[in-house]
Amino acid sequence: MSKQGPIRVFLAALVSCIPLLTVASPLRIEGIARSAAGQEVYRETHDFDGKAHRILYHDPAGALIAEKQLDYSCSDSAPDWQQHDLRNGMRVGGHWRGSEYVLEHDGRSGSVSPGRTLVASSGFDHFVRDHWVELASGETREFDFALPARLSTIGMRIQKTQGIPGESSITEWFSVEPSSGIFRLFAGKILLGYDEARGLQFYRGPSNIGDAEGRDVEVEIRYQRVQGEADLPELPLARTRGAPQSHCPGSDA
């Protein structure tokens, strides 16, 4: 079981929300996570190919410490996904089963019935893009975020905010926090910075993988595209389920 607090752990799950454009050819984006002191904590490598998305996490020495697979065939904002921490064996994830969204955490599972907009894992970036005009104009948007650690969802909100001075490549700053005033008393805000192309460039908040013991790690991540991305291999879909639509909302499976 994670040693992160219940309020902190759902905020941490948003860290992997880097740009998720549906691409016709492979794309790679890398992010370097650093501590408040500026020390490298880990690196993320994101590979995209159509609806498939894979994330590999390496420690500063280059050892693979965690991996994540996502499949956006059913939903852009709530993909099928699974994350495996190789250091402690922890597995978490979520997937569609007809009209229900099934959450998994360390051998436990539970389903949620989507009400208002359901957002899960890296699907958060799609949610931002879908509401970009409203958010950039100063409106607040709320959503239900899937939280595997609690096998449930929690209400959250995102809104425009003041950013970090001197970050010339970032044109829009947003903060993410719980919708509930009570929860906001115990949780800090996540800070996100997007460029003019609506690509995530900056993240500040708790890491979604924590340290080897599952404890909170505060990180600051900067993302960039990798050159030569057209030569990347084709990615398999995150899950093999036969017909891609057979398990999606509205199906009978």
Protein backbone atom coordinates (compact mmCIF):
# COMPACT_ATOMS: atom_id res chain seq x y z
CA MET A 1 0.00 0.00 0.00
CA SER A 2 1.26 3.47 -0.82
CA LYS A 3 2.42 5.60 2.09
CA GLN A 4 1.08 8.71 0.42
CA GLY A 5 -1.86 10.44 2.09
CA PRO A 6 -5.27 10.00 0.43
CA ILE A 7 -5.45 13.65 -0.66
CA ARG A 8 -1.89 13.78 -1.93
CA VAL A 9 -2.04 10.54 -3.90
CA PHE A 10 -4.85 11.60 -6.24
CA LEU A 11 -3.04 14.84 -7.04
CA ALA A 12 0.08 12.84 -7.83
CA ALA A 13 -1.82 10.79 -10.40
CA LEU A 14 -2.08 13.84 -12.64
CA VAL A 15 1.66 14.15 -13.22
CA SER A 16 1.67 12.07 -16.42
CA CYS A 17 -0.65 14.43 -18.29
CA ILE A 18 1.80 15.46 -21.01
CA PRO A 19 0.64 16.28 -24.58
CA LEU A 20 -1.51 13.46 -25.94
CA LEU A 21 -2.17 14.36 -29.54
CA THR A 22 -3.49 11.56 -31.74
CA VAL A 23 -0.57 11.18 -34.13
CA ALA A 24 -0.30 9.41 -37.46
CA SER A 25 3.37 8.58 -36.90
CA PRO A 26 5.41 7.77 -33.77
CA LEU A 27 6.27 10.64 -31.44
CA ARG A 28 8.58 10.78 -28.42
CA ILE A 29 8.60 13.33 -25.61
CA GLU A 30 10.94 13.31 -22.62
CA GLY A 31 10.65 14.91 -19.22
CA ILE A 32 13.22 15.37 -16.46
CA ALA A 33 11.85 15.37 -12.90
CA ARG A 34 13.88 17.36 -10.38
CA SER A 35 13.56 17.92 -6.65
CA ALA A 36 13.14 21.34 -5.03
CA ALA A 37 16.93 21.38 -4.64
CA GLY A 38 17.39 20.89 -8.40
CA GLN A 39 18.60 17.29 -8.23
CA GLU A 40 17.37 14.85 -10.88
CA VAL A 41 14.91 12.33 -9.41
CA TYR A 42 13.96 10.40 -12.55
CA ARG A 43 13.28 10.74 -16.28
CA GLU A 44 10.11 10.01 -18.23
CA THR A 45 10.11 8.84 -21.84
CA HIS A 46 6.72 9.06 -23.57
CA ASP A 47 6.19 7.22 -26.86
CA PHE A 48 2.99 7.80 -28.85
CA ASP A 49 1.60 6.03 -31.89
CA GLY A 50 -2.02 6.67 -32.79
CA LYS A 51 -4.13 5.74 -29.76
CA ALA A 52 -1.25 3.94 -28.00
CA HIS A 53 0.95 5.62 -25.39
CA ARG A 54 3.82 4.13 -23.38
CA ILE A 55 5.77 5.78 -20.55
CA LEU A 56 9.09 4.49 -19.21
CA TYR A 57 10.58 5.87 -15.99
CA HIS A 58 14.35 5.68 -15.39
CA ASP A 59 16.35 6.69 -12.33
CA PRO A 60 19.37 9.05 -12.64
CA ALA A 61 21.68 6.05 -13.19
CA GLY A 62 19.59 4.90 -16.17
CA ALA A 63 17.86 1.91 -14.52
CA LEU A 64 14.22 1.31 -15.49
CA ILE A 65 12.08 1.77 -12.35
CA ALA A 66 8.49 1.90 -13.67
CA GLU A 67 6.44 1.60 -16.84
CA LYS A 68 2.98 2.60 -17.95
CA GLN A 69 0.80 1.61 -20.91
CA LEU A 70 -2.28 3.54 -22.08
CA ASP A 71 -4.87 2.95 -24.81
CA TYR A 72 -7.22 5.77 -25.90
CA SER A 73 -9.38 3.62 -28.18
CA CYS A 74 -12.45 3.99 -25.91
CA SER A 75 -11.98 7.46 -24.49
CA ASP A 76 -9.52 10.33 -24.78
CA SER A 77 -10.15 11.65 -21.25
CA ALA A 78 -10.44 8.24 -19.55
CA PRO A 79 -8.15 5.74 -21.30
CA ASP A 80 -7.48 2.11 -20.46
CA TRP A 81 -4.16 2.10 -18.60
CA GLN A 82 -1.87 0.18 -16.30
CA GLN A 83 1.21 1.29 -14.37
CA HIS A 84 3.79 -1.08 -12.89
CA ASP A 85 6.42 0.05 -10.37
CA LEU A 86 9.33 -2.36 -10.86
CA ARG A 87 10.90 -1.47 -7.51
CA ASN A 88 8.07 -2.68 -5.30
CA GLY A 89 5.80 -4.57 -7.69
CA MET A 90 2.87 -2.14 -7.28
CA ARG A 91 0.35 -2.24 -10.13
CA VAL A 92 -2.40 0.33 -10.60
CA GLY A 93 -4.67 1.13 -13.50
CA GLY A 94 -8.12 1.48 -14.97
CA HIS A 95 -10.12 0.16 -17.92
CA TRP A 96 -13.59 0.25 -19.41
CA ARG A 97 -16.03 -2.64 -19.02
CA GLY A 98 -19.11 -1.56 -20.94
CA SER A 99 -20.57 1.49 -19.18
CA GLU A 100 -18.43 1.02 -16.06
CA TYR A 101 -14.86 2.15 -15.49
CA VAL A 102 -12.92 -0.42 -13.44
CA LEU A 103 -10.11 0.78 -11.19
CA GLU A 104 -7.28 -1.48 -10.03
CA HIS A 105 -4.84 -0.99 -7.17
CA ASP A 106 -2.40 -3.58 -5.83
CA GLY A 107 -4.70 -6.56 -6.40
CA ARG A 108 -7.93 -4.78 -5.46
CA SER A 109 -10.53 -3.59 -7.96
CA GLY A 110 -13.74 -1.60 -8.01
CA SER A 111 -15.91 0.04 -10.65
CA VAL A 112 -17.27 3.56 -10.93
CA SER A 113 -20.22 4.74 -13.01
CA PRO A 114 -19.26 7.95 -14.82
CA GLY A 115 -21.51 10.90 -14.04
CA ARG A 116 -20.14 14.21 -15.22
CA THR A 117 -16.88 14.22 -17.19
CA LEU A 118 -14.66 11.33 -16.09
CA VAL A 119 -10.92 11.90 -16.32
CA ALA A 120 -8.29 9.24 -15.67
CA SER A 121 -4.50 9.30 -15.69
CA SER A 122 -2.96 11.06 -18.71
CA GLY A 123 -6.39 11.69 -20.20
CA PHE A 124 -6.31 14.89 -18.20
CA ASP A 125 -4.38 16.60 -20.99
CA HIS A 126 -7.22 15.87 -23.44
CA PHE A 127 -9.63 17.44 -20.96
CA VAL A 128 -7.50 20.60 -20.92
CA ARG A 129 -7.45 20.74 -24.72
CA ASP A 130 -11.20 20.19 -24.98
CA HIS A 131 -11.82 23.17 -22.68
CA TRP A 132 -8.88 25.30 -23.75
CA VAL A 133 -10.84 28.38 -24.89
CA GLU A 134 -12.85 28.56 -21.68
CA LEU A 135 -9.84 27.92 -19.43
CA ALA A 136 -7.65 30.46 -21.23
CA SER A 137 -10.39 33.07 -20.84
CA GLY A 138 -10.42 32.55 -17.08
CA GLU A 139 -13.30 30.12 -16.57
CA THR A 140 -13.06 27.26 -14.07
CA ARG A 141 -13.79 23.69 -15.15
CA GLU A 142 -14.63 20.80 -12.81
CA PHE A 143 -14.37 17.05 -13.43
CA ASP A 144 -14.34 13.68 -11.67
CA PHE A 145 -10.86 12.21 -11.46
CA ALA A 146 -10.42 8.43 -11.19
CA LEU A 147 -8.40 7.48 -8.13
CA PRO A 148 -7.20 3.83 -8.11
CA ALA A 149 -5.81 4.06 -4.57
CA ARG A 150 -9.36 4.60 -3.29
CA LEU A 151 -11.21 2.72 -6.05
CA SER A 152 -13.38 5.78 -6.54
CA THR A 153 -13.45 9.25 -8.08
CA ILE A 154 -12.96 12.66 -6.55
CA GLY A 155 -14.13 16.07 -7.73
CA MET A 156 -11.40 18.39 -8.98
CA ARG A 157 -11.15 21.74 -10.70
CA ILE A 158 -8.72 23.53 -12.98
CA GLN A 159 -8.40 27.26 -13.54
CA LYS A 160 -6.06 29.85 -14.95
CA THR A 161 -3.45 31.20 -12.55
CA GLN A 162 -0.33 33.33 -12.25
CA GLY A 163 2.79 31.56 -13.45
CA ILE A 164 6.52 31.76 -12.86
CA PRO A 165 8.14 34.99 -14.08
CA GLY A 166 10.73 34.61 -16.83
CA GLU A 167 9.29 31.46 -18.42
CA SER A 168 9.04 32.93 -21.92
CA SER A 169 8.11 29.66 -23.67
CA ILE A 170 4.95 29.27 -21.56
CA THR A 171 1.88 31.27 -22.55
CA GLU A 172 -0.78 29.80 -20.22
CA TRP A 173 -0.58 28.70 -16.58
CA PHE A 174 -3.19 26.57 -14.82
CA SER A 175 -3.64 25.28 -11.28
CA VAL A 176 -5.34 22.01 -10.34
CA GLU A 177 -6.88 21.30 -6.93
CA PRO A 178 -9.81 19.50 -5.26
CA SER A 179 -13.27 20.99 -5.83
CA SER A 180 -14.10 20.53 -2.16
CA GLY A 181 -13.07 23.40 0.12
CA ILE A 182 -12.38 20.93 2.92
CA PHE A 183 -10.00 18.86 0.77
CA ARG A 184 -8.24 22.02 -0.37
CA LEU A 185 -7.25 22.64 3.24
CA PHE A 186 -5.04 19.53 3.12
CA ALA A 187 -3.79 19.51 -0.46
CA GLY A 188 -1.45 21.83 -2.32
CA LYS A 189 -2.06 22.99 -5.88
CA ILE A 190 -0.48 21.49 -8.95
CA LEU A 191 0.99 24.07 -11.34
CA LEU A 192 0.94 23.43 -15.11
CA GLY A 193 2.52 25.52 -17.87
CA TYR A 194 1.47 25.24 -21.55
CA ASP A 195 3.06 26.77 -24.65
CA GLU A 196 1.25 28.54 -27.48
CA ALA A 197 0.75 25.20 -29.29
CA ARG A 198 -1.17 23.92 -26.22
CA GLY A 199 1.62 21.53 -25.30
CA LEU A 200 2.50 20.92 -21.66
CA GLN A 201 5.98 22.25 -20.92
CA PHE A 202 6.05 22.48 -17.12
CA TYR A 203 4.70 20.56 -14.12
CA ARG A 204 5.16 21.22 -10.41
CA GLY A 205 3.61 18.95 -7.78
CA PRO A 206 3.83 15.43 -6.32
CA SER A 207 5.24 12.62 -8.45
CA ASN A 208 2.89 9.81 -9.48
CA ILE A 209 5.48 7.08 -8.79
CA GLY A 210 6.94 8.30 -5.49
CA ASP A 211 10.15 6.83 -4.14
CA ALA A 212 10.99 3.14 -3.71
CA GLU A 213 8.93 3.03 -0.49
CA GLY A 214 5.92 4.77 -2.05
CA ARG A 215 6.40 8.05 -0.20
CA ASP A 216 5.60 11.48 -1.60
CA VAL A 217 8.18 13.10 -3.85
CA GLU A 218 7.70 16.72 -4.87
CA VAL A 219 9.02 17.30 -8.38
CA GLU A 220 9.31 19.90 -11.08
CA ILE A 221 9.25 18.50 -14.63
CA ARG A 222 10.08 20.13 -17.95
CA TYR A 223 9.11 18.40 -21.18
CA GLN A 224 10.54 18.48 -24.70
CA ARG A 225 10.16 16.61 -27.97
CA VAL A 226 12.97 14.27 -29.01
CA GLN A 227 14.59 14.65 -32.40
CA GLY A 228 14.37 11.74 -34.83
CA GLU A 229 10.92 10.74 -33.54
CA ALA A 230 9.86 9.54 -37.01
CA ASP A 231 12.25 6.58 -36.65
CA LEU A 232 10.62 5.24 -33.49
CA PRO A 233 9.08 1.75 -33.68
CA GLU A 234 5.32 1.24 -33.84
CA LEU A 235 3.75 0.72 -30.42
CA PRO A 236 1.28 -2.05 -29.59
CA LEU A 237 -2.02 -1.07 -28.01
CA ALA A 238 -1.95 -0.99 -24.24
CA ARG A 239 -4.37 -3.90 -23.93
CA THR A 240 -5.30 -6.79 -26.23
CA ARG A 241 -9.07 -7.28 -26.16
CA GLY A 242 -9.96 -8.47 -29.65
CA ALA A 243 -12.10 -5.85 -31.40
CA PRO A 244 -10.97 -2.45 -30.04
CA GLN A 245 -14.55 -1.32 -29.40
CA SER A 246 -15.80 -4.50 -27.69
CA HIS A 247 -15.22 -3.28 -24.11
CA CYS A 248 -16.00 0.43 -24.59
CA PRO A 249 -18.98 2.40 -23.22
CA GLY A 250 -22.12 1.58 -25.21
CA SER A 251 -21.00 -1.96 -26.04
CA ASP A 252 -22.62 -5.12 -24.72
CA ALA A 253 -19.32 -6.72 -23.66
